[in-house]
Protein backbone atom coordinates (compact mmCIF):
# COMPACT_ATOMS: atom_id res chain seq x y z
CA LEU A 1 -10.46 -10.39 7.15
CA LYS A 2 -10.92 -9.72 3.59
CA GLN A 3 -13.43 -7.17 4.28
CA LYS A 4 -11.82 -5.29 7.75
CA ILE A 5 -8.48 -4.91 4.72
CA GLU A 6 -10.88 -3.03 2.53
CA LYS A 7 -12.26 -0.83 4.86
CA VAL A 8 -8.98 0.81 5.22
CA THR A 9 -6.56 3.20 3.23
CA LEU A 10 -3.08 3.48 3.91
CA LYS A 11 -1.18 6.75 3.50
CA PHE A 12 1.71 7.67 2.69
CA LYS A 13 3.31 11.15 2.78
CA VAL A 14 6.47 11.05 -0.14
CA LYS A 15 8.89 13.64 -0.92
CA THR A 16 7.63 15.15 -4.55
CA GLY A 17 10.22 16.97 -6.91
CA THR A 18 9.19 19.23 -9.86
CA MET A 19 6.12 18.56 -11.77
CA ASP A 20 5.29 16.08 -8.91
CA GLN A 21 7.20 13.61 -9.40
CA VAL A 22 7.93 11.06 -6.69
CA PHE A 23 11.63 10.13 -4.99
CA GLY A 24 11.63 6.70 -4.62
CA SER A 25 8.66 4.73 -3.95
CA ILE A 26 6.84 2.52 -1.65
CA SER A 27 7.78 -0.60 -1.01
CA THR A 28 6.00 -3.97 0.09
CA LYS A 29 7.61 -3.66 3.55
CA GLN A 30 6.59 -0.15 4.14
CA ILE A 31 3.16 -1.59 3.51
CA ILE A 32 3.41 -4.52 5.76
CA THR A 33 4.86 -1.86 8.64
CA GLU A 34 1.88 -0.13 7.86
CA LEU A 35 -0.90 -2.62 7.95
CA LYS A 36 0.73 -3.84 11.50
CA LYS A 37 0.05 -0.52 12.95
CA HIS A 38 -3.82 -1.12 12.03
CA GLY A 39 -3.22 -4.83 13.74
CA PHE A 40 -3.17 -6.80 10.67
CA ASN A 41 -0.39 -9.60 10.78
CA ILE A 42 0.34 -9.87 7.14
CA ASP A 43 3.34 -11.91 4.84
CA LYS A 44 5.32 -10.13 2.58
CA LYS A 45 4.73 -12.97 0.19
CA GLN A 46 1.01 -11.78 0.31
CA VAL A 47 1.63 -8.60 -0.60
CA ILE A 48 1.22 -8.54 -4.31
CA LEU A 49 2.58 -5.79 -5.76
CA ASP A 50 2.81 -5.47 -10.04
CA ASN A 51 5.12 -2.47 -9.91
CA PRO A 52 6.74 -0.26 -6.89
CA LEU A 53 3.88 2.73 -6.22
CA SER A 54 6.12 5.72 -7.40
CA CYS A 55 3.16 8.22 -8.32
CA LEU A 56 0.80 10.12 -6.11
CA GLY A 57 -2.45 9.45 -5.89
CA PHE A 58 -4.81 6.60 -5.19
CA HIS A 59 -3.66 2.62 -5.51
CA ASN A 60 -5.30 -0.80 -5.45
CA VAL A 61 -2.85 -3.46 -4.04
CA LYS A 62 -3.60 -7.12 -3.49
CA ILE A 63 -3.25 -9.17 -0.43
CA GLU A 64 -3.57 -12.67 -1.08
CA LEU A 65 -5.38 -13.89 2.37
CA HIS A 66 -5.99 -17.35 0.64
CA LYS A 67 -5.46 -19.29 -2.75
CA LYS A 68 -8.89 -17.96 -3.62
CA VAL A 69 -9.76 -15.27 -1.35
CA ASN A 70 -7.84 -11.91 -2.56
CA ALA A 71 -8.84 -8.44 -0.50
CA ILE A 72 -7.83 -5.21 -2.58
CA LEU A 73 -5.94 -2.60 0.10
CA LYS A 74 -6.10 1.49 -1.00
CA VAL A 75 -2.98 2.99 -0.97
CA GLU A 76 -2.57 6.59 -1.28
CA LEU A 77 0.52 8.77 -1.77
CA VAL A 78 0.30 12.36 -1.04
CA LYS A 79 3.09 14.88 -1.20
CA GLU A 80 4.83 15.73 2.10
CA SER A 81 4.29 19.31 2.95
């Protein structure tokens, strides 16, 4: 499961203002919803976000699959056109 999650990159289109400032942020709930679309059944308690994702680019999100097993999920925030 860890290897499968680490092969996936979730892409979110976000609204931006001047200077590419992101309006709002990507939450744990949105990440869970996207993971379910890819066939992963992950609980929200397993997604560890230090801060909400609120700037463009790539982010690494830790998914705690077990006490000793963590997967790193790649999340990309791109500008909505």
